[in-house]
Amino acid sequence: LRELHRFAPGGSLHPDTVYFGGGTPSLLTPRQVSRLIEAAAPVPGAEI
């Protein structure tokens, strides 16, 4: 979240795709995933 804010102050990143890779991203909790997606603010219809 710190790095997301660094690259997109104010939540202005708006990616067209978001990809959780690893490692094993499914070790994240749904709440953690939700926080990261919310901070990235992807465009409507983004592939996540």
All heavy atoms as atom14 arrays in JSON, in Angstrom:
{
  "sequence": "LRELHRFAPGGSLHPDTVYFGGGTPSLLTPRQVSRLIEAAAPVPGAEI",
  "atom14_mask": [
    [1, 1, 1, 1, 1, 1, 1, 1, 0, 0, 0, 0, 0, 0],
    [1, 1, 1, 1, 1, 1, 1, 1, 1, 1, 1, 0, 0, 0],
    [1, 1, 1, 1, 1, 1, 1, 1, 1, 0, 0, 0, 0, 0],
    [1, 1, 1, 1, 1, 1, 1, 1, 0, 0, 0, 0, 0, 0],
    [1, 1, 1, 1, 1, 1, 1, 1, 1, 1, 0, 0, 0, 0],
    [1, 1, 1, 1, 1, 1, 1, 1, 1, 1, 1, 0, 0, 0],
    [1, 1, 1, 1, 1, 1, 1, 1, 1, 1, 1, 0, 0, 0],
    [1, 1, 1, 1, 1, 0, 0, 0, 0, 0, 0, 0, 0, 0],
    [1, 1, 1, 1, 1, 1, 1, 0, 0, 0, 0, 0, 0, 0],
    [1, 1, 1, 1, 0, 0, 0, 0, 0, 0, 0, 0, 0, 0],
    [1, 1, 1, 1, 0, 0, 0, 0, 0, 0, 0, 0, 0, 0],
    [1, 1, 1, 1, 1, 1, 0, 0, 0, 0, 0, 0, 0, 0],
    [1, 1, 1, 1, 1, 1, 1, 1, 0, 0, 0, 0, 0, 0],
    [1, 1, 1, 1, 1, 1, 1, 1, 1, 1, 0, 0, 0, 0],
    [1, 1, 1, 1, 1, 1, 1, 0, 0, 0, 0, 0, 0, 0],
    [1, 1, 1, 1, 1, 1, 1, 1, 0, 0, 0, 0, 0, 0],
    [1, 1, 1, 1, 1, 1, 1, 0, 0, 0, 0, 0, 0, 0],
    [1, 1, 1, 1, 1, 1, 1, 0, 0, 0, 0, 0, 0, 0],
    [1, 1, 1, 1, 1, 1, 1, 1, 1, 1, 1, 1, 0, 0],
    [1, 1, 1, 1, 1, 1, 1, 1, 1, 1, 1, 0, 0, 0],
    [1, 1, 1, 1, 0, 0, 0, 0, 0, 0, 0, 0, 0, 0],
    [1, 1, 1, 1, 0, 0, 0, 0, 0, 0, 0, 0, 0, 0],
    [1, 1, 1, 1, 0, 0, 0, 0, 0, 0, 0, 0, 0, 0],
    [1, 1, 1, 1, 1, 1, 1, 0, 0, 0, 0, 0, 0, 0],
    [1, 1, 1, 1, 1, 1, 1, 0, 0, 0, 0, 0, 0, 0],
    [1, 1, 1, 1, 1, 1, 0, 0, 0, 0, 0, 0, 0, 0],
    [1, 1, 1, 1, 1, 1, 1, 1, 0, 0, 0, 0, 0, 0],
    [1, 1, 1, 1, 1, 1, 1, 1, 0, 0, 0, 0, 0, 0],
    [1, 1, 1, 1, 1, 1, 1, 0, 0, 0, 0, 0, 0, 0],
    [1, 1, 1, 1, 1, 1, 1, 0, 0, 0, 0, 0, 0, 0],
    [1, 1, 1, 1, 1, 1, 1, 1, 1, 1, 1, 0, 0, 0],
    [1, 1, 1, 1, 1, 1, 1, 1, 1, 0, 0, 0, 0, 0],
    [1, 1, 1, 1, 1, 1, 1, 0, 0, 0, 0, 0, 0, 0],
    [1, 1, 1, 1, 1, 1, 0, 0, 0, 0, 0, 0, 0, 0],
    [1, 1, 1, 1, 1, 1, 1, 1, 1, 1, 1, 0, 0, 0],
    [1, 1, 1, 1, 1, 1, 1, 1, 0, 0, 0, 0, 0, 0],
    [1, 1, 1, 1, 1, 1, 1, 1, 0, 0, 0, 0, 0, 0],
    [1, 1, 1, 1, 1, 1, 1, 1, 1, 0, 0, 0, 0, 0],
    [1, 1, 1, 1, 1, 0, 0, 0, 0, 0, 0, 0, 0, 0],
    [1, 1, 1, 1, 1, 0, 0, 0, 0, 0, 0, 0, 0, 0],
    [1, 1, 1, 1, 1, 0, 0, 0, 0, 0, 0, 0, 0, 0],
    [1, 1, 1, 1, 1, 1, 1, 0, 0, 0, 0, 0, 0, 0],
    [1, 1, 1, 1, 1, 1, 1, 0, 0, 0, 0, 0, 0, 0],
    [1, 1, 1, 1, 1, 1, 1, 0, 0, 0, 0, 0, 0, 0],
    [1, 1, 1, 1, 0, 0, 0, 0, 0, 0, 0, 0, 0, 0],
    [1, 1, 1, 1, 1, 0, 0, 0, 0, 0, 0, 0, 0, 0],
    [1, 1, 1, 1, 1, 1, 1, 1, 1, 0, 0, 0, 0, 0],
    [1, 1, 1, 1, 1, 1, 1, 1, 0, 0, 0, 0, 0, 0]
  ],
  "atom14_positions": [
    [[0.83, -1.21, 0.0], [0.0, 0.0, 0.0], [0.87, 1.26, 0.0], [0.55, 2.25, -0.68], [-0.93, -0.01, 1.22], [-2.03, -1.08, 1.21], [-2.69, -1.18, 2.58], [-3.07, -0.76, 0.14], [0.0, 0.0, 0.0], [0.0, 0.0, 0.0], [0.0, 0.0, 0.0], [0.0, 0.0, 0.0], [0.0, 0.0, 0.0], [0.0, 0.0, 0.0]],
    [[1.96, 1.2, 0.73], [2.91, 2.33, 0.77], [3.44, 2.61, -0.65], [3.5, 3.76, -1.1], [4.06, 1.98, 1.7], [5.18, 3.02, 1.78], [6.42, 2.39, 2.43], [7.09, 1.45, 1.53], [7.69, 0.31, 1.93], [7.7, -0.03, 3.2], [8.27, -0.46, 1.04], [0.0, 0.0, 0.0], [0.0, 0.0, 0.0], [0.0, 0.0, 0.0]],
    [[3.84, 1.54, -1.36], [4.38, 1.72, -2.71], [3.31, 2.17, -3.7], [3.59, 2.98, -4.6], [5.04, 0.42, -3.18], [6.27, 0.02, -2.37], [7.31, 1.14, -2.31], [7.91, 1.44, -3.36], [7.51, 1.71, -1.23], [0.0, 0.0, 0.0], [0.0, 0.0, 0.0], [0.0, 0.0, 0.0], [0.0, 0.0, 0.0], [0.0, 0.0, 0.0]],
    [[2.1, 1.66, -3.54], [1.0, 2.12, -4.4], [0.8, 3.62, -4.25], [0.64, 4.35, -5.23], [-0.29, 1.39, -4.03], [-0.62, 0.11, -4.79], [-1.8, -0.6, -4.14], [-0.93, 0.41, -6.25], [0.0, 0.0, 0.0], [0.0, 0.0, 0.0], [0.0, 0.0, 0.0], [0.0, 0.0, 0.0], [0.0, 0.0, 0.0], [0.0, 0.0, 0.0]],
    [[0.82, 4.08, -3.02], [0.65, 5.52, -2.77], [1.84, 6.31, -3.32], [1.66, 7.43, -3.84], [0.51, 5.78, -1.27], [0.34, 7.23, -0.93], [-0.82, 7.92, -1.18], [1.22, 8.13, -0.4], [-0.67, 9.19, -0.82], [0.55, 9.34, -0.33], [0.0, 0.0, 0.0], [0.0, 0.0, 0.0], [0.0, 0.0, 0.0], [0.0, 0.0, 0.0]],
    [[3.03, 5.72, -3.26], [4.23, 6.4, -3.76], [4.14, 6.62, -5.27], [4.5, 7.69, -5.78], [5.45, 5.56, -3.41], [6.78, 6.16, -3.84], [7.93, 5.38, -3.23], [8.12, 5.71, -1.83], [8.82, 4.98, -0.96], [9.38, 3.85, -1.34], [8.94, 5.37, 0.29], [0.0, 0.0, 0.0], [0.0, 0.0, 0.0], [0.0, 0.0, 0.0]],
    [[3.65, 5.61, -5.98], [3.56, 5.74, -7.44], [2.29, 6.45, -7.88], [2.22, 6.97, -9.0], [3.62, 4.35, -8.1], [5.03, 3.82, -8.23], [5.56, 2.98, -7.27], [5.82, 4.18, -9.31], [6.86, 2.48, -7.39], [7.11, 3.7, -9.44], [7.64, 2.85, -8.47], [0.0, 0.0, 0.0], [0.0, 0.0, 0.0], [0.0, 0.0, 0.0]],
    [[1.26, 6.43, -7.02], [-0.01, 7.06, -7.4], [-0.6, 7.8, -6.2], [-1.56, 7.34, -5.59], [-0.98, 6.0, -7.9], [0.0, 0.0, 0.0], [0.0, 0.0, 0.0], [0.0, 0.0, 0.0], [0.0, 0.0, 0.0], [0.0, 0.0, 0.0], [0.0, 0.0, 0.0], [0.0, 0.0, 0.0], [0.0, 0.0, 0.0], [0.0, 0.0, 0.0]],
    [[-0.02, 8.94, -5.85], [-0.55, 9.71, -4.71], [-2.02, 10.06, -4.95], [-2.39, 10.47, -6.04], [0.32, 10.97, -4.72], [1.54, 10.61, -5.5], [1.12, 9.6, -6.5], [0.0, 0.0, 0.0], [0.0, 0.0, 0.0], [0.0, 0.0, 0.0], [0.0, 0.0, 0.0], [0.0, 0.0, 0.0], [0.0, 0.0, 0.0], [0.0, 0.0, 0.0]],
    [[-2.81, 9.82, -3.95], [-4.23, 10.14, -4.09], [-5.03, 9.09, -4.85], [-6.17, 9.34, -5.23], [0.0, 0.0, 0.0], [0.0, 0.0, 0.0], [0.0, 0.0, 0.0], [0.0, 0.0, 0.0], [0.0, 0.0, 0.0], [0.0, 0.0, 0.0], [0.0, 0.0, 0.0], [0.0, 0.0, 0.0], [0.0, 0.0, 0.0], [0.0, 0.0, 0.0]],
    [[-4.41, 7.91, -5.1], [-5.15, 6.83, -5.76], [-5.41, 7.07, -7.23], [-6.49, 6.79, -7.74], [0.0, 0.0, 0.0], [0.0, 0.0, 0.0], [0.0, 0.0, 0.0], [0.0, 0.0, 0.0], [0.0, 0.0, 0.0], [0.0, 0.0, 0.0], [0.0, 0.0, 0.0], [0.0, 0.0, 0.0], [0.0, 0.0, 0.0], [0.0, 0.0, 0.0]],
    [[-4.42, 7.61, -7.94], [-4.63, 7.97, -9.35], [-4.04, 6.94, -10.33], [-3.85, 7.24, -11.5], [-3.98, 9.33, -9.63], [-2.59, 9.29, -9.29], [0.0, 0.0, 0.0], [0.0, 0.0, 0.0], [0.0, 0.0, 0.0], [0.0, 0.0, 0.0], [0.0, 0.0, 0.0], [0.0, 0.0, 0.0], [0.0, 0.0, 0.0], [0.0, 0.0, 0.0]],
    [[-3.76, 5.72, -9.88], [-3.12, 4.73, -10.75], [-4.1, 4.21, -11.81], [-3.8, 4.19, -13.0], [-2.57, 3.57, -9.92], [-1.61, 2.62, -10.66], [-0.36, 3.36, -11.13], [-1.21, 1.45, -9.76], [0.0, 0.0, 0.0], [0.0, 0.0, 0.0], [0.0, 0.0, 0.0], [0.0, 0.0, 0.0], [0.0, 0.0, 0.0], [0.0, 0.0, 0.0]],
    [[-5.27, 3.74, -11.39], [-6.33, 3.26, -12.28], [-5.83, 2.27, -13.35], [-5.96, 2.52, -14.55], [-7.03, 4.44, -12.98], [-7.57, 5.46, -12.01], [-8.37, 5.12, -10.93], [-7.4, 6.81, -11.96], [-8.68, 6.22, -10.26], [-8.11, 7.25, -10.85], [0.0, 0.0, 0.0], [0.0, 0.0, 0.0], [0.0, 0.0, 0.0], [0.0, 0.0, 0.0]],
    [[-5.27, 1.12, -12.94], [-4.78, 0.15, -13.92], [-5.93, -0.55, -14.66], [-7.06, -0.64, -14.16], [-4.02, -0.85, -13.05], [-4.69, -0.78, -11.72], [-5.09, 0.67, -11.55], [0.0, 0.0, 0.0], [0.0, 0.0, 0.0], [0.0, 0.0, 0.0], [0.0, 0.0, 0.0], [0.0, 0.0, 0.0], [0.0, 0.0, 0.0], [0.0, 0.0, 0.0]],
    [[-5.61, -1.04, -15.86], [-6.58, -1.8, -16.65], [-6.6, -3.27, -16.25], [-7.57, -3.98, -16.52], [-6.24, -1.67, -18.14], [-6.3, -0.25, -18.61], [-5.28, 0.47, -18.51], [-7.38, 0.18, -19.06], [0.0, 0.0, 0.0], [0.0, 0.0, 0.0], [0.0, 0.0, 0.0], [0.0, 0.0, 0.0], [0.0, 0.0, 0.0], [0.0, 0.0, 0.0]],
    [[-5.49, -3.73, -15.66], [-5.41, -5.09, -15.15], [-4.66, -5.07, -13.82], [-3.77, -4.24, -13.61], [-4.67, -6.05, -16.11], [-3.3, -5.63, -16.23], [-5.31, -6.07, -17.5], [0.0, 0.0, 0.0], [0.0, 0.0, 0.0], [0.0, 0.0, 0.0], [0.0, 0.0, 0.0], [0.0, 0.0, 0.0], [0.0, 0.0, 0.0], [0.0, 0.0, 0.0]],
    [[-5.03, -5.98, -12.94], [-4.31, -6.19, -11.68], [-4.02, -7.68, -11.58], [-4.92, -8.5, -11.82], [-5.14, -5.74, -10.45], [-4.35, -5.97, -9.17], [-5.53, -4.27, -10.58], [0.0, 0.0, 0.0], [0.0, 0.0, 0.0], [0.0, 0.0, 0.0], [0.0, 0.0, 0.0], [0.0, 0.0, 0.0], [0.0, 0.0, 0.0], [0.0, 0.0, 0.0]],
    [[-2.79, -8.03, -11.25], [-2.39, -9.43, -11.2], [-1.67, -9.71, -9.89], [-0.61, -9.13, -9.62], [-1.48, -9.77, -12.38], [-1.3, -11.25, -12.63], [-1.99, -11.9, -13.64], [-0.43, -12.0, -11.84], [-1.84, -13.26, -13.87], [-0.27, -13.36, -12.06], [-0.98, -13.99, -13.07], [-0.82, -15.33, -13.29], [0.0, 0.0, 0.0], [0.0, 0.0, 0.0]],
    [[-2.26, -10.59, -9.07], [-1.61, -11.04, -7.84], [-0.82, -12.31, -8.17], [-1.41, -13.36, -8.42], [-2.66, -11.35, -6.76], [-3.4, -10.16, -6.24], [-4.54, -9.68, -6.88], [-2.97, -9.52, -5.08], [-5.23, -8.58, -6.38], [-3.66, -8.41, -4.57], [-4.79, -7.95, -5.23], [0.0, 0.0, 0.0], [0.0, 0.0, 0.0], [0.0, 0.0, 0.0]],
    [[0.53, -12.2, -8.17], [1.38, -13.35, -8.5], [2.28, -13.72, -7.34], [2.39, -12.99, -6.36], [0.0, 0.0, 0.0], [0.0, 0.0, 0.0], [0.0, 0.0, 0.0], [0.0, 0.0, 0.0], [0.0, 0.0, 0.0], [0.0, 0.0, 0.0], [0.0, 0.0, 0.0], [0.0, 0.0, 0.0], [0.0, 0.0, 0.0], [0.0, 0.0, 0.0]],
    [[2.94, -14.87, -7.47], [3.74, -15.3, -6.31], [4.87, -16.25, -6.64], [5.27, -16.35, -7.79], [0.0, 0.0, 0.0], [0.0, 0.0, 0.0], [0.0, 0.0, 0.0], [0.0, 0.0, 0.0], [0.0, 0.0, 0.0], [0.0, 0.0, 0.0], [0.0, 0.0, 0.0], [0.0, 0.0, 0.0], [0.0, 0.0, 0.0], [0.0, 0.0, 0.0]],
    [[5.31, -16.99, -5.56], [4.64, -17.26, -4.31], [3.24, -17.83, -4.46], [2.87, -18.38, -5.47], [0.0, 0.0, 0.0], [0.0, 0.0, 0.0], [0.0, 0.0, 0.0], [0.0, 0.0, 0.0], [0.0, 0.0, 0.0], [0.0, 0.0, 0.0], [0.0, 0.0, 0.0], [0.0, 0.0, 0.0], [0.0, 0.0, 0.0], [0.0, 0.0, 0.0]],
    [[2.48, -17.68, -3.39], [1.1, -18.17, -3.35], [0.18, -17.06, -2.89], [-0.08, -16.89, -1.69], [1.0, -19.39, -2.4], [1.96, -20.37, -2.79], [-0.38, -20.01, -2.46], [0.0, 0.0, 0.0], [0.0, 0.0, 0.0], [0.0, 0.0, 0.0], [0.0, 0.0, 0.0], [0.0, 0.0, 0.0], [0.0, 0.0, 0.0], [0.0, 0.0, 0.0]],
    [[-0.33, -16.26, -3.85], [-1.19, -15.12, -3.48], [-2.47, -15.52, -2.75], [-3.05, -14.71, -2.03], [-1.51, -14.47, -4.83], [-0.37, -14.88, -5.71], [0.0, -16.26, -5.28], [0.0, 0.0, 0.0], [0.0, 0.0, 0.0], [0.0, 0.0, 0.0], [0.0, 0.0, 0.0], [0.0, 0.0, 0.0], [0.0, 0.0, 0.0], [0.0, 0.0, 0.0]],
    [[-2.92, -16.79, -2.93], [-4.14, -17.21, -2.25], [-3.94, -17.38, -0.75], [-4.89, -17.69, -0.02], [-4.69, -18.51, -2.86], [-3.67, -19.46, -3.02], [0.0, 0.0, 0.0], [0.0, 0.0, 0.0], [0.0, 0.0, 0.0], [0.0, 0.0, 0.0], [0.0, 0.0, 0.0], [0.0, 0.0, 0.0], [0.0, 0.0, 0.0], [0.0, 0.0, 0.0]],
    [[-2.7, -17.14, -0.26], [-2.49, -17.06, 1.2], [-2.95, -15.72, 1.76], [-3.08, -15.56, 2.97], [-1.01, -17.28, 1.53], [-0.45, -18.69, 1.29], [1.02, -18.75, 1.66], [-1.23, -19.73, 2.08], [0.0, 0.0, 0.0], [0.0, 0.0, 0.0], [0.0, 0.0, 0.0], [0.0, 0.0, 0.0], [0.0, 0.0, 0.0], [0.0, 0.0, 0.0]],
    [[-3.18, -14.74, 0.88], [-3.78, -13.48, 1.32], [-5.2, -13.75, 1.82], [-5.87, -14.69, 1.36], [-3.87, -12.5, 0.15], [-2.58, -11.86, -0.37], [-2.8, -11.32, -1.77], [-2.11, -10.74, 0.57], [0.0, 0.0, 0.0], [0.0, 0.0, 0.0], [0.0, 0.0, 0.0], [0.0, 0.0, 0.0], [0.0, 0.0, 0.0], [0.0, 0.0, 0.0]],
    [[-5.67, -12.93, 2.73], [-7.07, -13.01, 3.13], [-7.89, -12.17, 2.16], [-7.37, -11.23, 1.54], [-7.29, -12.47, 4.55], [-7.01, -11.05, 4.55], [-6.38, -13.18, 5.56], [0.0, 0.0, 0.0], [0.0, 0.0, 0.0], [0.0, 0.0, 0.0], [0.0, 0.0, 0.0], [0.0, 0.0, 0.0], [0.0, 0.0, 0.0], [0.0, 0.0, 0.0]],
    [[-9.18, -12.47, 2.0], [-10.03, -11.62, 1.16], [-9.98, -10.14, 1.57], [-10.01, -9.26, 0.72], [-11.42, -12.21, 1.34], [-11.16, -13.67, 1.58], [-9.91, -13.68, 2.43], [0.0, 0.0, 0.0], [0.0, 0.0, 0.0], [0.0, 0.0, 0.0], [0.0, 0.0, 0.0], [0.0, 0.0, 0.0], [0.0, 0.0, 0.0], [0.0, 0.0, 0.0]],
    [[-9.87, -9.88, 2.87], [-9.8, -8.49, 3.34], [-8.53, -7.83, 2.84], [-8.55, -6.66, 2.41], [-9.86, -8.47, 4.87], [-9.6, -7.12, 5.51], [-10.68, -6.12, 5.18], [-10.37, -4.79, 5.73], [-10.67, -3.66, 5.13], [-11.31, -3.65, 3.98], [-10.36, -2.51, 5.68], [0.0, 0.0, 0.0], [0.0, 0.0, 0.0], [0.0, 0.0, 0.0]],
    [[-7.4, -8.54, 2.88], [-6.14, -7.97, 2.38], [-6.24, -7.68, 0.88], [-5.8, -6.63, 0.4], [-4.99, -8.94, 2.67], [-4.62, -9.03, 4.14], [-3.58, -10.12, 4.4], [-3.57, -11.17, 3.76], [-2.69, -9.86, 5.37], [0.0, 0.0, 0.0], [0.0, 0.0, 0.0], [0.0, 0.0, 0.0], [0.0, 0.0, 0.0], [0.0, 0.0, 0.0]],
    [[-6.82, -8.62, 0.14], [-7.0, -8.43, -1.3], [-7.89, -7.23, -1.57], [-7.6, -6.39, -2.45], [-7.6, -9.71, -1.94], [-8.04, -9.46, -3.38], [-6.59, -10.85, -1.89], [0.0, 0.0, 0.0], [0.0, 0.0, 0.0], [0.0, 0.0, 0.0], [0.0, 0.0, 0.0], [0.0, 0.0, 0.0], [0.0, 0.0, 0.0], [0.0, 0.0, 0.0]],
    [[-8.95, -7.1, -0.81], [-9.88, -5.98, -0.99], [-9.18, -4.64, -0.76], [-9.37, -3.69, -1.54], [-11.05, -6.13, 0.0], [-11.94, -5.05, -0.12], [0.0, 0.0, 0.0], [0.0, 0.0, 0.0], [0.0, 0.0, 0.0], [0.0, 0.0, 0.0], [0.0, 0.0, 0.0], [0.0, 0.0, 0.0], [0.0, 0.0, 0.0], [0.0, 0.0, 0.0]],
    [[-8.36, -4.56, 0.27], [-7.64, -3.31, 0.56], [-6.72, -2.92, -0.6], [-6.64, -1.74, -0.98], [-6.81, -3.46, 1.84], [-7.62, -3.57, 3.11], [-6.7, -3.65, 4.32], [-6.0, -2.38, 4.54], [-4.87, -2.26, 5.23], [-4.29, -3.34, 5.76], [-4.31, -1.08, 5.39], [0.0, 0.0, 0.0], [0.0, 0.0, 0.0], [0.0, 0.0, 0.0]],
    [[-6.03, -3.92, -1.16], [-5.08, -3.64, -2.24], [-5.81, -3.22, -3.52], [-5.39, -2.29, -4.21], [-4.2, -4.87, -2.49], [-3.19, -5.15, -1.36], [-2.63, -6.56, -1.47], [-2.05, -4.12, -1.4], [0.0, 0.0, 0.0], [0.0, 0.0, 0.0], [0.0, 0.0, 0.0], [0.0, 0.0, 0.0], [0.0, 0.0, 0.0], [0.0, 0.0, 0.0]],
    [[-6.91, -3.91, -3.83], [-7.67, -3.54, -5.03], [-8.26, -2.15, -4.87], [-8.21, -1.32, -5.79], [-8.78, -4.58, -5.3], [-8.16, -5.93, -5.7], [-9.71, -4.09, -6.41], [-9.17, -7.06, -5.83], [0.0, 0.0, 0.0], [0.0, 0.0, 0.0], [0.0, 0.0, 0.0], [0.0, 0.0, 0.0], [0.0, 0.0, 0.0], [0.0, 0.0, 0.0]],
    [[-8.79, -1.88, -3.7], [-9.39, -0.56, -3.44], [-8.35, 0.55, -3.59], [-8.62, 1.61, -4.18], [-9.98, -0.54, -2.03], [-10.85, 0.65, -1.73], [-11.49, 0.55, -0.34], [-11.87, -0.56, 0.07], [-11.58, 1.6, 0.32], [0.0, 0.0, 0.0], [0.0, 0.0, 0.0], [0.0, 0.0, 0.0], [0.0, 0.0, 0.0], [0.0, 0.0, 0.0]],
    [[-7.13, 0.3, -3.1], [-6.07, 1.32, -3.2], [-5.61, 1.51, -4.64], [-5.25, 2.62, -5.05], [-4.9, 0.91, -2.32], [0.0, 0.0, 0.0], [0.0, 0.0, 0.0], [0.0, 0.0, 0.0], [0.0, 0.0, 0.0], [0.0, 0.0, 0.0], [0.0, 0.0, 0.0], [0.0, 0.0, 0.0], [0.0, 0.0, 0.0], [0.0, 0.0, 0.0]],
    [[-5.62, 0.42, -5.42], [-5.18, 0.53, -6.82], [-6.2, 1.25, -7.68], [-5.85, 1.85, -8.7], [-4.92, -0.87, -7.39], [0.0, 0.0, 0.0], [0.0, 0.0, 0.0], [0.0, 0.0, 0.0], [0.0, 0.0, 0.0], [0.0, 0.0, 0.0], [0.0, 0.0, 0.0], [0.0, 0.0, 0.0], [0.0, 0.0, 0.0], [0.0, 0.0, 0.0]],
    [[-7.47, 1.2, -7.28], [-8.57, 1.86, -8.0], [-8.56, 1.52, -9.49], [-8.44, 2.41, -10.34], [-8.5, 3.38, -7.8], [0.0, 0.0, 0.0], [0.0, 0.0, 0.0], [0.0, 0.0, 0.0], [0.0, 0.0, 0.0], [0.0, 0.0, 0.0], [0.0, 0.0, 0.0], [0.0, 0.0, 0.0], [0.0, 0.0, 0.0], [0.0, 0.0, 0.0]],
    [[-8.68, 0.22, -9.83], [-8.67, -0.16, -11.25], [-9.86, 0.43, -12.0], [-10.89, 0.78, -11.39], [-8.76, -1.69, -11.21], [-9.29, -2.03, -9.86], [-8.85, -0.95, -8.95], [0.0, 0.0, 0.0], [0.0, 0.0, 0.0], [0.0, 0.0, 0.0], [0.0, 0.0, 0.0], [0.0, 0.0, 0.0], [0.0, 0.0, 0.0], [0.0, 0.0, 0.0]],
    [[-9.72, 0.55, -13.32], [-10.79, 1.1, -14.15], [-11.98, 0.14, -14.14], [-11.82, -1.06, -13.89], [-10.32, 1.34, -15.6], [-9.15, 2.31, -15.64], [-9.95, 0.02, -16.28], [0.0, 0.0, 0.0], [0.0, 0.0, 0.0], [0.0, 0.0, 0.0], [0.0, 0.0, 0.0], [0.0, 0.0, 0.0], [0.0, 0.0, 0.0], [0.0, 0.0, 0.0]],
    [[-13.18, 0.62, -14.39], [-14.33, -0.28, -14.5], [-14.07, -1.35, -15.57], [-13.56, -1.06, -16.65], [-15.47, 0.65, -14.92], [-15.05, 2.0, -14.42], [-13.56, 2.04, -14.57], [0.0, 0.0, 0.0], [0.0, 0.0, 0.0], [0.0, 0.0, 0.0], [0.0, 0.0, 0.0], [0.0, 0.0, 0.0], [0.0, 0.0, 0.0], [0.0, 0.0, 0.0]],
    [[-14.41, -2.59, -15.24], [-14.19, -3.68, -16.19], [-12.78, -4.22, -16.22], [-12.44, -5.04, -17.08], [0.0, 0.0, 0.0], [0.0, 0.0, 0.0], [0.0, 0.0, 0.0], [0.0, 0.0, 0.0], [0.0, 0.0, 0.0], [0.0, 0.0, 0.0], [0.0, 0.0, 0.0], [0.0, 0.0, 0.0], [0.0, 0.0, 0.0], [0.0, 0.0, 0.0]],
    [[-11.92, -3.78, -15.29], [-10.54, -4.26, -15.26], [-10.49, -5.77, -15.01], [-11.34, -6.33, -14.32], [-9.76, -3.54, -14.16], [0.0, 0.0, 0.0], [0.0, 0.0, 0.0], [0.0, 0.0, 0.0], [0.0, 0.0, 0.0], [0.0, 0.0, 0.0], [0.0, 0.0, 0.0], [0.0, 0.0, 0.0], [0.0, 0.0, 0.0], [0.0, 0.0, 0.0]],
    [[-9.5, -6.41, -15.6], [-9.24, -7.83, -15.33], [-8.41, -7.91, -14.05], [-7.34, -7.3, -13.97], [-8.48, -8.45, -16.49], [-8.07, -9.91, -16.26], [-7.06, -10.38, -17.29], [-5.84, -10.16, -17.06], [-7.46, -10.94, -18.32], [0.0, 0.0, 0.0], [0.0, 0.0, 0.0], [0.0, 0.0, 0.0], [0.0, 0.0, 0.0], [0.0, 0.0, 0.0]],
    [[-8.91, -8.64, -13.05], [-8.21, -8.75, -11.77], [-7.98, -10.24, -11.48], [-8.93, -10.98, -11.2], [-9.01, -8.07, -10.64], [-9.25, -6.59, -11.0], [-8.25, -8.18, -9.31], [-10.09, -5.83, -10.0], [0.0, 0.0, 0.0], [0.0, 0.0, 0.0], [0.0, 0.0, 0.0], [0.0, 0.0, 0.0], [0.0, 0.0, 0.0], [0.0, 0.0, 0.0]]
  ]
}
